[in-house]
Amino acid sequence: MLLAKERQDIVDTCLFMQREGLIVSTAGNVSIRVGDQVAISPSGVPYETMTAEDVVVYDIDGNHVEGDLKPSSELPLHLSVYHATDAMAITHNHAPASTALSLVVDEIPPSHYYSAMFGGVIRVAPYAEFGTDELAENVTNALKGRKGALMSNHGAITIGSDVKKAVNLLPVLEYVCEVHLRAMASGAPIKLLTDAQMADALEGMSSYGVQPNKK
């Protein structure tokens, strides 16, 4: 079986998203790129019964390579992002706070310095029907220079150099969205970070969690 480890990693990642309450039913999808091949979760398969064999493999140009099931309807989106970025993994979810915030803003204002973890102010891709080339283009544009974005009236997406880094950003993004929604609901003015403060946060996040090498 091609990409056996990556296909199992996708199953495990889908189950993590389910446990964390980041998805509803079979919504959401995960993919991992290895060279010119992409493993992606199948369409409509319950995560609790999904196996590595259910995960399908396509090449970067959208040609079927291995697997018997239909791929996620968002295959065009995943392939578009891989073509445009250096991402090696993509996770997409329909969590409540990020989905709700995508209905009311065109970007998440710099209300929390965690936005720096995504490369700056988090954009909201304009709505387009799921599975379409238009949605793929909108989201790819929203991800320019970013590790995450919201998808208007839809959900959220994160990317990373591996699937753990990609999926670990999803709960952070959901937290940022939840905090901003609660602040909006208060009706009070929302304190936003300045460009300088965001720049400092971006610089700080670039080395956050990096430990010195042991001698």
N, C-alpha and C. Protein backbone atom coordinates (compact mmCIF):
# COMPACT_ATOMS: atom_id res chain seq x y z
N MET A 1 0.85 -1.20 0.00
CA MET A 1 0.00 0.00 0.00
C MET A 1 0.88 1.24 0.00
N LEU A 2 0.66 2.12 -0.96
CA LEU A 2 1.42 3.35 -1.05
C LEU A 2 1.14 4.26 0.14
N LEU A 3 2.16 4.95 0.61
CA LEU A 3 2.03 5.96 1.67
C LEU A 3 1.27 5.41 2.88
N ALA A 4 1.62 4.21 3.31
CA ALA A 4 0.89 3.53 4.39
C ALA A 4 0.91 4.36 5.68
N LYS A 5 2.08 4.88 6.04
CA LYS A 5 2.18 5.66 7.28
C LYS A 5 1.34 6.93 7.18
N GLU A 6 1.45 7.62 6.06
CA GLU A 6 0.71 8.87 5.89
C GLU A 6 -0.79 8.63 5.90
N ARG A 7 -1.23 7.55 5.32
CA ARG A 7 -2.66 7.24 5.30
C ARG A 7 -3.17 6.95 6.71
N GLN A 8 -2.36 6.26 7.51
CA GLN A 8 -2.76 6.04 8.90
C GLN A 8 -2.72 7.35 9.69
N ASP A 9 -1.74 8.19 9.40
CA ASP A 9 -1.67 9.50 10.07
C ASP A 9 -2.93 10.33 9.78
N ILE A 10 -3.46 10.21 8.59
CA ILE A 10 -4.69 10.94 8.24
C ILE A 10 -5.86 10.42 9.05
N VAL A 11 -5.97 9.10 9.19
CA VAL A 11 -7.03 8.53 10.03
C VAL A 11 -6.91 9.05 11.45
N ASP A 12 -5.70 8.99 12.01
CA ASP A 12 -5.48 9.44 13.39
C ASP A 12 -5.79 10.93 13.55
N THR A 13 -5.47 11.72 12.54
CA THR A 13 -5.74 13.15 12.60
C THR A 13 -7.24 13.43 12.55
N CYS A 14 -7.96 12.71 11.72
CA CYS A 14 -9.41 12.86 11.66
C CYS A 14 -10.05 12.52 13.00
N LEU A 15 -9.56 11.47 13.64
CA LEU A 15 -10.10 11.08 14.95
C LEU A 15 -9.77 12.14 16.01
N PHE A 16 -8.58 12.74 15.92
CA PHE A 16 -8.23 13.83 16.84
C PHE A 16 -9.19 15.00 16.66
N MET A 17 -9.46 15.39 15.42
CA MET A 17 -10.38 16.50 15.18
C MET A 17 -11.77 16.18 15.72
N GLN A 18 -12.18 14.94 15.59
CA GLN A 18 -13.48 14.53 16.11
C GLN A 18 -13.51 14.63 17.64
N ARG A 19 -12.46 14.13 18.30
CA ARG A 19 -12.40 14.18 19.77
C ARG A 19 -12.39 15.61 20.28
N GLU A 20 -11.76 16.50 19.54
CA GLU A 20 -11.63 17.90 19.96
C GLU A 20 -12.86 18.73 19.63
N GLY A 21 -13.86 18.12 19.01
CA GLY A 21 -15.08 18.84 18.67
C GLY A 21 -14.89 19.83 17.54
N LEU A 22 -13.93 19.57 16.66
CA LEU A 22 -13.62 20.47 15.56
C LEU A 22 -14.38 20.15 14.29
N ILE A 23 -15.09 19.05 14.28
CA ILE A 23 -15.82 18.65 13.09
C ILE A 23 -17.22 18.18 13.48
N VAL A 24 -18.13 18.18 12.52
CA VAL A 24 -19.48 17.68 12.69
C VAL A 24 -19.69 16.55 11.71
N SER A 25 -20.12 15.39 12.20
CA SER A 25 -20.36 14.23 11.35
C SER A 25 -19.10 13.91 10.55
N THR A 26 -19.21 13.81 9.23
CA THR A 26 -18.05 13.48 8.41
C THR A 26 -17.46 14.72 7.74
N ALA A 27 -17.88 15.91 8.17
CA ALA A 27 -17.36 17.14 7.59
C ALA A 27 -15.88 17.29 7.90
N GLY A 28 -15.19 18.06 7.07
CA GLY A 28 -13.76 18.28 7.26
C GLY A 28 -12.95 17.26 6.48
N ASN A 29 -11.68 17.55 6.31
CA ASN A 29 -10.81 16.65 5.56
C ASN A 29 -9.35 16.94 5.88
N VAL A 30 -8.51 15.95 5.57
CA VAL A 30 -7.08 16.01 5.88
C VAL A 30 -6.31 15.44 4.70
N SER A 31 -5.17 16.05 4.39
CA SER A 31 -4.31 15.48 3.37
C SER A 31 -2.85 15.66 3.76
N ILE A 32 -2.01 14.81 3.18
CA ILE A 32 -0.56 14.86 3.37
C ILE A 32 0.10 14.71 2.02
N ARG A 33 1.06 15.56 1.75
CA ARG A 33 1.80 15.48 0.49
C ARG A 33 3.15 14.79 0.72
N VAL A 34 3.50 13.89 -0.17
CA VAL A 34 4.82 13.26 -0.19
C VAL A 34 5.31 13.32 -1.63
N GLY A 35 6.27 14.17 -1.89
CA GLY A 35 6.73 14.35 -3.26
C GLY A 35 5.59 14.86 -4.13
N ASP A 36 5.31 14.14 -5.20
CA ASP A 36 4.23 14.53 -6.11
C ASP A 36 2.96 13.72 -5.88
N GLN A 37 2.88 13.07 -4.72
CA GLN A 37 1.68 12.32 -4.38
C GLN A 37 1.00 12.91 -3.15
N VAL A 38 -0.33 12.84 -3.14
CA VAL A 38 -1.12 13.40 -2.05
C VAL A 38 -2.09 12.34 -1.54
N ALA A 39 -1.98 12.02 -0.26
CA ALA A 39 -2.97 11.15 0.39
C ALA A 39 -4.03 12.04 1.00
N ILE A 40 -5.30 11.70 0.81
CA ILE A 40 -6.39 12.54 1.29
C ILE A 40 -7.53 11.69 1.82
N SER A 41 -8.20 12.18 2.84
CA SER A 41 -9.31 11.43 3.44
C SER A 41 -10.43 11.24 2.41
N PRO A 42 -11.16 10.14 2.52
CA PRO A 42 -12.24 9.85 1.57
C PRO A 42 -13.49 10.66 1.88
N SER A 43 -14.40 10.66 0.94
CA SER A 43 -15.65 11.41 1.09
C SER A 43 -16.69 10.61 1.85
N GLY A 44 -17.25 11.22 2.91
CA GLY A 44 -18.42 10.67 3.57
C GLY A 44 -18.24 9.43 4.41
N VAL A 45 -17.00 9.07 4.74
CA VAL A 45 -16.75 7.88 5.56
C VAL A 45 -16.69 8.28 7.03
N PRO A 46 -17.50 7.67 7.90
CA PRO A 46 -17.45 8.01 9.33
C PRO A 46 -16.05 7.81 9.88
N TYR A 47 -15.56 8.77 10.62
CA TYR A 47 -14.19 8.71 11.10
C TYR A 47 -13.94 7.52 12.02
N GLU A 48 -14.96 7.12 12.78
CA GLU A 48 -14.76 6.02 13.71
C GLU A 48 -14.60 4.68 13.02
N THR A 49 -14.97 4.59 11.76
CA THR A 49 -14.80 3.33 11.01
C THR A 49 -13.74 3.44 9.91
N MET A 50 -13.20 4.62 9.69
CA MET A 50 -12.22 4.82 8.63
C MET A 50 -10.95 4.03 8.91
N THR A 51 -10.37 3.45 7.87
CA THR A 51 -9.09 2.77 7.97
C THR A 51 -8.10 3.41 7.01
N ALA A 52 -6.83 3.03 7.17
CA ALA A 52 -5.81 3.57 6.28
C ALA A 52 -6.09 3.20 4.83
N GLU A 53 -6.67 2.02 4.62
CA GLU A 53 -6.98 1.58 3.25
C GLU A 53 -8.08 2.44 2.62
N ASP A 54 -8.90 3.07 3.44
CA ASP A 54 -9.96 3.95 2.92
C ASP A 54 -9.41 5.26 2.38
N VAL A 55 -8.26 5.67 2.90
CA VAL A 55 -7.63 6.92 2.46
C VAL A 55 -7.13 6.71 1.03
N VAL A 56 -7.33 7.71 0.18
CA VAL A 56 -6.98 7.56 -1.23
C VAL A 56 -5.76 8.41 -1.58
N VAL A 57 -5.11 8.04 -2.68
CA VAL A 57 -3.90 8.72 -3.11
C VAL A 57 -4.10 9.24 -4.53
N TYR A 58 -3.75 10.51 -4.73
CA TYR A 58 -3.77 11.15 -6.04
C TYR A 58 -2.40 11.77 -6.29
N ASP A 59 -2.11 12.08 -7.54
CA ASP A 59 -0.89 12.84 -7.77
C ASP A 59 -1.23 14.33 -7.72
N ILE A 60 -0.19 15.14 -7.76
CA ILE A 60 -0.36 16.58 -7.54
C ILE A 60 -1.20 17.23 -8.64
N ASP A 61 -1.36 16.54 -9.76
CA ASP A 61 -2.17 17.08 -10.85
C ASP A 61 -3.59 16.53 -10.86
N GLY A 62 -3.95 15.77 -9.82
CA GLY A 62 -5.32 15.30 -9.68
C GLY A 62 -5.62 13.97 -10.33
N ASN A 63 -4.59 13.23 -10.70
CA ASN A 63 -4.79 11.90 -11.28
C ASN A 63 -4.84 10.84 -10.18
N HIS A 64 -5.80 9.94 -10.26
CA HIS A 64 -5.95 8.89 -9.27
C HIS A 64 -4.75 7.94 -9.31
N VAL A 65 -4.23 7.62 -8.10
CA VAL A 65 -3.08 6.72 -8.01
C VAL A 65 -3.46 5.42 -7.31
N GLU A 66 -4.13 5.53 -6.15
CA GLU A 66 -4.47 4.31 -5.40
C GLU A 66 -5.63 4.58 -4.46
N GLY A 67 -6.43 3.55 -4.23
CA GLY A 67 -7.57 3.66 -3.32
C GLY A 67 -8.87 3.48 -4.07
N ASP A 68 -9.83 2.81 -3.41
CA ASP A 68 -11.08 2.45 -4.08
C ASP A 68 -12.20 3.48 -3.87
N LEU A 69 -12.08 4.33 -2.86
CA LEU A 69 -13.16 5.24 -2.51
C LEU A 69 -13.00 6.60 -3.19
N LYS A 70 -14.09 7.35 -3.19
CA LYS A 70 -14.04 8.71 -3.71
C LYS A 70 -13.26 9.60 -2.73
N PRO A 71 -12.45 10.51 -3.25
CA PRO A 71 -11.72 11.41 -2.35
C PRO A 71 -12.65 12.46 -1.78
N SER A 72 -12.20 13.17 -0.78
CA SER A 72 -12.92 14.33 -0.29
C SER A 72 -13.30 15.24 -1.44
N SER A 73 -14.47 15.84 -1.34
CA SER A 73 -14.91 16.78 -2.38
C SER A 73 -13.98 17.99 -2.48
N GLU A 74 -13.17 18.21 -1.43
CA GLU A 74 -12.26 19.35 -1.43
C GLU A 74 -10.88 19.02 -2.01
N LEU A 75 -10.77 17.91 -2.75
CA LEU A 75 -9.50 17.58 -3.39
C LEU A 75 -8.96 18.75 -4.22
N PRO A 76 -9.79 19.44 -5.04
CA PRO A 76 -9.26 20.57 -5.81
C PRO A 76 -8.65 21.66 -4.92
N LEU A 77 -9.25 21.89 -3.76
CA LEU A 77 -8.73 22.88 -2.82
C LEU A 77 -7.36 22.46 -2.32
N HIS A 78 -7.24 21.22 -1.89
CA HIS A 78 -5.96 20.73 -1.37
C HIS A 78 -4.87 20.82 -2.44
N LEU A 79 -5.17 20.39 -3.64
CA LEU A 79 -4.18 20.42 -4.71
C LEU A 79 -3.77 21.85 -5.05
N SER A 80 -4.73 22.76 -5.04
CA SER A 80 -4.42 24.17 -5.32
C SER A 80 -3.47 24.74 -4.28
N VAL A 81 -3.72 24.43 -3.02
CA VAL A 81 -2.86 24.93 -1.94
C VAL A 81 -1.46 24.34 -2.06
N TYR A 82 -1.37 23.06 -2.38
CA TYR A 82 -0.05 22.44 -2.54
C TYR A 82 0.73 23.06 -3.71
N HIS A 83 0.04 23.38 -4.76
CA HIS A 83 0.70 24.00 -5.91
C HIS A 83 1.23 25.40 -5.56
N ALA A 84 0.53 26.10 -4.67
CA ALA A 84 0.84 27.51 -4.41
C ALA A 84 1.71 27.74 -3.18
N THR A 85 1.87 26.74 -2.33
CA THR A 85 2.60 26.92 -1.07
C THR A 85 3.62 25.80 -0.89
N ASP A 86 4.39 25.90 0.20
CA ASP A 86 5.32 24.83 0.54
C ASP A 86 4.73 23.88 1.57
N ALA A 87 3.42 23.93 1.77
CA ALA A 87 2.75 23.06 2.73
C ALA A 87 2.95 21.59 2.37
N MET A 88 3.07 20.77 3.41
CA MET A 88 3.15 19.33 3.22
C MET A 88 1.97 18.61 3.87
N ALA A 89 1.08 19.38 4.49
CA ALA A 89 -0.13 18.81 5.09
C ALA A 89 -1.18 19.90 5.22
N ILE A 90 -2.44 19.50 5.11
CA ILE A 90 -3.57 20.43 5.18
C ILE A 90 -4.66 19.81 6.04
N THR A 91 -5.23 20.62 6.93
CA THR A 91 -6.38 20.18 7.72
C THR A 91 -7.50 21.21 7.58
N HIS A 92 -8.70 20.71 7.41
CA HIS A 92 -9.87 21.58 7.21
C HIS A 92 -10.98 21.12 8.15
N ASN A 93 -11.61 22.08 8.83
CA ASN A 93 -12.66 21.71 9.79
C ASN A 93 -13.87 22.63 9.68
N HIS A 94 -14.91 22.29 10.45
CA HIS A 94 -16.13 23.09 10.50
C HIS A 94 -16.47 23.40 11.95
N ALA A 95 -15.49 23.79 12.73
CA ALA A 95 -15.71 24.06 14.14
C ALA A 95 -16.62 25.27 14.34
N PRO A 96 -17.37 25.32 15.46
CA PRO A 96 -18.41 26.35 15.62
C PRO A 96 -17.91 27.79 15.63
N ALA A 97 -16.88 28.09 16.42
CA ALA A 97 -16.47 29.49 16.55
C ALA A 97 -15.88 30.03 15.26
N SER A 98 -15.02 29.25 14.61
CA SER A 98 -14.41 29.72 13.36
C SER A 98 -15.45 29.84 12.27
N THR A 99 -16.40 28.91 12.23
CA THR A 99 -17.45 29.00 11.22
C THR A 99 -18.34 30.21 11.49
N ALA A 100 -18.71 30.43 12.75
CA ALA A 100 -19.56 31.56 13.10
C ALA A 100 -18.87 32.89 12.78
N LEU A 101 -17.60 33.01 13.12
CA LEU A 101 -16.90 34.27 12.87
C LEU A 101 -16.76 34.54 11.37
N SER A 102 -16.66 33.47 10.58
CA SER A 102 -16.55 33.65 9.13
C SER A 102 -17.81 34.28 8.53
N LEU A 103 -18.91 34.28 9.28
CA LEU A 103 -20.16 34.86 8.79
C LEU A 103 -20.21 36.38 8.94
N VAL A 104 -19.34 36.92 9.80
CA VAL A 104 -19.52 38.33 10.17
C VAL A 104 -18.30 39.21 9.95
N VAL A 105 -17.16 38.63 9.59
CA VAL A 105 -15.97 39.46 9.34
C VAL A 105 -15.30 39.02 8.04
N ASP A 106 -14.51 39.93 7.46
CA ASP A 106 -13.72 39.61 6.27
C ASP A 106 -12.28 39.26 6.63
N GLU A 107 -11.91 39.56 7.85
CA GLU A 107 -10.64 39.12 8.41
C GLU A 107 -10.78 39.18 9.92
N ILE A 108 -9.95 38.43 10.62
CA ILE A 108 -9.98 38.50 12.08
C ILE A 108 -9.05 39.65 12.49
N PRO A 109 -9.59 40.73 13.05
CA PRO A 109 -8.73 41.83 13.46
C PRO A 109 -7.69 41.35 14.47
N PRO A 110 -6.59 42.08 14.62
CA PRO A 110 -5.52 41.65 15.52
C PRO A 110 -5.89 41.85 16.99
N SER A 111 -6.85 41.07 17.44
CA SER A 111 -7.32 41.18 18.83
C SER A 111 -6.52 40.27 19.77
N HIS A 112 -5.81 39.31 19.23
CA HIS A 112 -5.00 38.41 20.06
C HIS A 112 -3.68 38.14 19.35
N TYR A 113 -2.61 38.17 20.11
CA TYR A 113 -1.30 37.98 19.49
C TYR A 113 -1.10 36.58 18.92
N TYR A 114 -1.98 35.64 19.29
CA TYR A 114 -1.89 34.31 18.68
C TYR A 114 -2.05 34.36 17.16
N SER A 115 -2.64 35.43 16.66
CA SER A 115 -2.75 35.57 15.21
C SER A 115 -1.38 35.49 14.55
N ALA A 116 -0.34 35.86 15.30
CA ALA A 116 1.01 35.80 14.76
C ALA A 116 1.42 34.37 14.43
N MET A 117 0.82 33.39 15.09
CA MET A 117 1.14 31.99 14.81
C MET A 117 0.73 31.60 13.39
N PHE A 118 -0.16 32.41 12.81
CA PHE A 118 -0.64 32.13 11.45
C PHE A 118 0.00 33.03 10.42
N GLY A 119 0.93 33.89 10.88
CA GLY A 119 1.63 34.78 9.96
C GLY A 119 1.10 36.19 9.93
N GLY A 120 0.13 36.51 10.79
CA GLY A 120 -0.44 37.86 10.82
C GLY A 120 -1.94 37.81 10.87
N VAL A 121 -2.59 38.91 10.51
CA VAL A 121 -4.04 38.98 10.51
C VAL A 121 -4.61 37.84 9.67
N ILE A 122 -5.58 37.15 10.22
CA ILE A 122 -6.14 35.95 9.57
C ILE A 122 -7.25 36.36 8.61
N ARG A 123 -7.11 35.98 7.36
CA ARG A 123 -8.07 36.37 6.33
C ARG A 123 -9.26 35.40 6.28
N VAL A 124 -10.36 35.91 5.71
CA VAL A 124 -11.54 35.08 5.47
C VAL A 124 -11.74 34.98 3.95
N ALA A 125 -11.61 33.77 3.43
CA ALA A 125 -11.80 33.58 1.99
C ALA A 125 -13.27 33.79 1.63
N PRO A 126 -13.57 34.50 0.54
CA PRO A 126 -14.96 34.69 0.13
C PRO A 126 -15.65 33.35 -0.11
N TYR A 127 -16.96 33.33 0.10
CA TYR A 127 -17.71 32.09 -0.05
C TYR A 127 -17.74 31.63 -1.51
N ALA A 128 -17.63 30.34 -1.68
CA ALA A 128 -17.89 29.66 -2.95
C ALA A 128 -18.36 28.26 -2.60
N GLU A 129 -19.09 27.64 -3.49
CA GLU A 129 -19.63 26.30 -3.22
C GLU A 129 -18.49 25.31 -2.96
N PHE A 130 -18.73 24.40 -2.01
CA PHE A 130 -17.70 23.42 -1.66
C PHE A 130 -17.35 22.57 -2.88
N GLY A 131 -16.08 22.20 -2.94
CA GLY A 131 -15.62 21.33 -4.00
C GLY A 131 -15.34 22.00 -5.33
N THR A 132 -15.50 23.32 -5.40
CA THR A 132 -15.35 24.02 -6.68
C THR A 132 -13.96 24.62 -6.84
N ASP A 133 -13.60 24.88 -8.10
CA ASP A 133 -12.33 25.55 -8.37
C ASP A 133 -12.35 26.98 -7.82
N GLU A 134 -13.53 27.60 -7.80
CA GLU A 134 -13.63 28.95 -7.25
C GLU A 134 -13.26 28.97 -5.78
N LEU A 135 -13.77 28.00 -5.02
CA LEU A 135 -13.42 27.93 -3.60
C LEU A 135 -11.92 27.68 -3.45
N ALA A 136 -11.38 26.79 -4.26
CA ALA A 136 -9.95 26.49 -4.20
C ALA A 136 -9.13 27.76 -4.41
N GLU A 137 -9.51 28.56 -5.40
CA GLU A 137 -8.79 29.81 -5.68
C GLU A 137 -8.93 30.80 -4.54
N ASN A 138 -10.14 30.94 -4.01
CA ASN A 138 -10.38 31.89 -2.91
C ASN A 138 -9.54 31.55 -1.69
N VAL A 139 -9.53 30.28 -1.34
CA VAL A 139 -8.81 29.87 -0.13
C VAL A 139 -7.30 29.95 -0.35
N THR A 140 -6.85 29.57 -1.51
CA THR A 140 -5.42 29.67 -1.81
C THR A 140 -4.95 31.11 -1.70
N ASN A 141 -5.74 32.05 -2.18
CA ASN A 141 -5.39 33.47 -2.06
C ASN A 141 -5.36 33.91 -0.60
N ALA A 142 -6.32 33.44 0.19
CA ALA A 142 -6.39 33.82 1.60
C ALA A 142 -5.20 33.28 2.39
N LEU A 143 -4.59 32.21 1.90
CA LEU A 143 -3.47 31.58 2.60
C LEU A 143 -2.11 32.16 2.21
N LYS A 144 -2.07 33.12 1.30
CA LYS A 144 -0.78 33.68 0.90
C LYS A 144 -0.06 34.27 2.11
N GLY A 145 1.12 33.75 2.41
CA GLY A 145 1.88 34.23 3.55
C GLY A 145 1.29 33.85 4.89
N ARG A 146 0.35 32.93 4.92
CA ARG A 146 -0.33 32.54 6.14
C ARG A 146 -0.33 31.02 6.34
N LYS A 147 -0.54 30.60 7.58
CA LYS A 147 -0.65 29.18 7.88
C LYS A 147 -2.08 28.76 8.18
N GLY A 148 -3.00 29.72 8.11
CA GLY A 148 -4.40 29.41 8.36
C GLY A 148 -5.30 30.49 7.82
N ALA A 149 -6.55 30.12 7.60
CA ALA A 149 -7.55 31.08 7.11
C ALA A 149 -8.93 30.56 7.48
N LEU A 150 -9.90 31.48 7.46
CA LEU A 150 -11.29 31.07 7.56
C LEU A 150 -11.87 30.99 6.16
N MET A 151 -12.94 30.21 6.03
CA MET A 151 -13.64 30.06 4.76
C MET A 151 -15.07 30.54 5.01
N SER A 152 -15.47 31.64 4.38
CA SER A 152 -16.73 32.27 4.68
C SER A 152 -17.91 31.31 4.57
N ASN A 153 -18.77 31.33 5.62
CA ASN A 153 -19.97 30.49 5.67
C ASN A 153 -19.63 29.01 5.53
N HIS A 154 -18.45 28.60 6.04
CA HIS A 154 -17.99 27.24 5.78
C HIS A 154 -17.18 26.67 6.94
N GLY A 155 -15.99 27.22 7.21
CA GLY A 155 -15.15 26.63 8.24
C GLY A 155 -13.77 27.25 8.27
N ALA A 156 -12.77 26.42 8.53
CA ALA A 156 -11.40 26.91 8.66
C ALA A 156 -10.42 25.93 8.04
N ILE A 157 -9.22 26.42 7.76
CA ILE A 157 -8.18 25.58 7.16
C ILE A 157 -6.84 25.99 7.74
N THR A 158 -5.98 25.01 7.97
CA THR A 158 -4.61 25.26 8.42
C THR A 158 -3.66 24.39 7.61
N ILE A 159 -2.43 24.87 7.47
CA ILE A 159 -1.41 24.13 6.73
C ILE A 159 -0.15 24.06 7.56
N GLY A 160 0.73 23.12 7.20
CA GLY A 160 1.97 23.00 7.93
C GLY A 160 2.98 22.14 7.19
N SER A 161 4.19 22.08 7.75
CA SER A 161 5.25 21.28 7.16
C SER A 161 5.06 19.79 7.42
N ASP A 162 4.17 19.47 8.36
CA ASP A 162 3.74 18.09 8.57
C ASP A 162 2.33 18.14 9.16
N VAL A 163 1.70 16.98 9.25
CA VAL A 163 0.28 16.99 9.62
C VAL A 163 0.07 17.37 11.08
N LYS A 164 1.01 17.04 11.95
CA LYS A 164 0.86 17.43 13.36
C LYS A 164 0.89 18.95 13.51
N LYS A 165 1.80 19.59 12.80
CA LYS A 165 1.87 21.05 12.88
C LYS A 165 0.61 21.69 12.30
N ALA A 166 0.10 21.11 11.24
CA ALA A 166 -1.12 21.66 10.64
C ALA A 166 -2.31 21.52 11.58
N VAL A 167 -2.53 20.31 12.09
CA VAL A 167 -3.73 20.09 12.91
C VAL A 167 -3.62 20.76 14.26
N ASN A 168 -2.41 20.91 14.79
CA ASN A 168 -2.26 21.57 16.09
C ASN A 168 -2.61 23.05 16.03
N LEU A 169 -2.65 23.62 14.82
CA LEU A 169 -3.06 25.02 14.68
C LEU A 169 -4.58 25.17 14.71
N LEU A 170 -5.32 24.10 14.43
CA LEU A 170 -6.78 24.21 14.40
C LEU A 170 -7.37 24.62 15.75
N PRO A 171 -7.00 23.97 16.87
CA PRO A 171 -7.55 24.42 18.15
C PRO A 171 -7.14 25.85 18.50
N VAL A 172 -5.94 26.26 18.08
CA VAL A 172 -5.50 27.63 18.33
C VAL A 172 -6.38 28.61 17.55
N LEU A 173 -6.63 28.29 16.30
CA LEU A 173 -7.49 29.15 15.48
C LEU A 173 -8.89 29.22 16.05
N GLU A 174 -9.40 28.09 16.51
CA GLU A 174 -10.73 28.08 17.11
C GLU A 174 -10.76 28.95 18.36
N TYR A 175 -9.68 28.91 19.16
CA TYR A 175 -9.59 29.74 20.36
C TYR A 175 -9.60 31.23 20.01
N VAL A 176 -8.80 31.61 19.02
CA VAL A 176 -8.77 33.02 18.59
C VAL A 176 -10.16 33.47 18.16
N CYS A 177 -10.85 32.62 17.41
CA CYS A 177 -12.20 32.96 16.94
C CYS A 177 -13.19 33.05 18.10
N GLU A 178 -13.10 32.13 19.04
CA GLU A 178 -14.00 32.14 20.19
C GLU A 178 -13.80 33.40 21.02
N VAL A 179 -12.56 33.77 21.28
CA VAL A 179 -12.26 34.98 22.05
C VAL A 179 -12.81 36.21 21.35
N HIS A 180 -12.61 36.30 20.04
CA HIS A 180 -13.08 37.48 19.32
C HIS A 180 -14.61 37.54 19.29
N LEU A 181 -15.26 36.39 19.14
CA LEU A 181 -16.72 36.37 19.16
C LEU A 181 -17.26 36.84 20.51
N ARG A 182 -16.65 36.39 21.58
CA ARG A 182 -17.11 36.80 22.91
C ARG A 182 -16.91 38.29 23.13
N ALA A 183 -15.79 38.80 22.63
CA ALA A 183 -15.54 40.23 22.75
C ALA A 183 -16.59 41.02 21.96
N MET A 184 -16.91 40.56 20.76
CA MET A 184 -17.93 41.22 19.94
C MET A 184 -19.29 41.20 20.65
N ALA A 185 -19.59 40.06 21.27
CA ALA A 185 -20.89 39.90 21.93
C ALA A 185 -21.06 40.83 23.12
N SER A 186 -19.93 41.26 23.72
CA SER A 186 -20.01 42.14 24.88
C SER A 186 -20.54 43.52 24.50
N GLY A 187 -20.38 43.89 23.25
CA GLY A 187 -20.80 45.21 22.80
C GLY A 187 -19.81 46.32 23.14
N ALA A 188 -18.77 46.00 23.90
CA ALA A 188 -17.77 47.01 24.26
C ALA A 188 -16.75 47.14 23.13
N PRO A 189 -16.07 48.28 23.07
CA PRO A 189 -15.01 48.43 22.06
C PRO A 189 -13.94 47.36 22.25
N ILE A 190 -13.47 46.82 21.15
CA ILE A 190 -12.46 45.76 21.22
C ILE A 190 -11.08 46.38 21.07
N LYS A 191 -10.22 46.11 22.04
CA LYS A 191 -8.85 46.61 21.97
C LYS A 191 -8.07 45.77 20.96
N LEU A 192 -7.48 46.44 19.96
CA LEU A 192 -6.73 45.75 18.93
C LEU A 192 -5.24 46.06 19.07
N LEU A 193 -4.42 45.12 18.65
CA LEU A 193 -2.98 45.32 18.67
C LEU A 193 -2.57 46.24 17.51
N THR A 194 -1.54 47.02 17.74
CA THR A 194 -1.02 47.89 16.69
C THR A 194 -0.18 47.08 15.72
N ASP A 195 0.15 47.69 14.58
CA ASP A 195 1.03 47.03 13.62
C ASP A 195 2.37 46.68 14.26
N ALA A 196 2.88 47.58 15.08
CA ALA A 196 4.16 47.35 15.74
C ALA A 196 4.06 46.18 16.72
N GLN A 197 2.98 46.12 17.47
CA GLN A 197 2.80 45.02 18.41
C GLN A 197 2.65 43.69 17.68
N MET A 198 1.93 43.69 16.56
CA MET A 198 1.81 42.47 15.77
C MET A 198 3.16 42.06 15.19
N ALA A 199 3.96 43.04 14.75
CA ALA A 199 5.29 42.73 14.22
C ALA A 199 6.17 42.11 15.30
N ASP A 200 6.08 42.63 16.53
CA ASP A 200 6.83 42.07 17.64
C ASP A 200 6.38 40.63 17.93
N ALA A 201 5.06 40.42 17.88
CA ALA A 201 4.54 39.08 18.12
C ALA A 201 4.99 38.10 17.04
N LEU A 202 4.98 38.56 15.79
CA LEU A 202 5.46 37.72 14.69
C LEU A 202 6.92 37.32 14.90
N GLU A 203 7.73 38.28 15.32
CA GLU A 203 9.14 37.99 15.57
C GLU A 203 9.29 37.01 16.73
N GLY A 204 8.51 37.25 17.79
CA GLY A 204 8.59 36.36 18.93
C GLY A 204 8.14 34.95 18.62
N MET A 205 7.09 34.82 17.82
CA MET A 205 6.57 33.50 17.48
C MET A 205 7.53 32.71 16.59
N SER A 206 8.41 33.41 15.88
CA SER A 206 9.32 32.72 14.97
C SER A 206 10.29 31.82 15.72
N SER A 207 10.55 32.14 17.00
CA SER A 207 11.46 31.31 17.79
C SER A 207 10.78 30.67 18.99
N TYR A 208 9.45 30.82 19.07
CA TYR A 208 8.72 30.27 20.23
C TYR A 208 8.83 28.76 20.24
N GLY A 209 9.16 28.21 21.39
CA GLY A 209 9.22 26.76 21.55
C GLY A 209 10.50 26.12 21.05
N VAL A 210 11.42 26.93 20.50
CA VAL A 210 12.70 26.40 20.02
C VAL A 210 13.66 26.32 21.19
N GLN A 211 14.06 25.12 21.55
CA GLN A 211 14.97 24.92 22.69
C GLN A 211 16.40 24.87 22.21
N PRO A 212 17.33 25.30 23.06
CA PRO A 212 18.76 25.23 22.66
C PRO A 212 19.19 23.77 22.51
N ASN A 213 20.13 23.55 21.60
CA ASN A 213 20.65 22.20 21.41
C ASN A 213 21.42 21.76 22.65
N LYS A 214 21.19 20.50 23.02
CA LYS A 214 21.93 19.96 24.17
C LYS A 214 23.36 19.67 23.77
N LYS A 215 24.26 20.00 24.67
CA LYS A 215 25.68 19.73 24.41
C LYS A 215 26.04 18.33 24.85
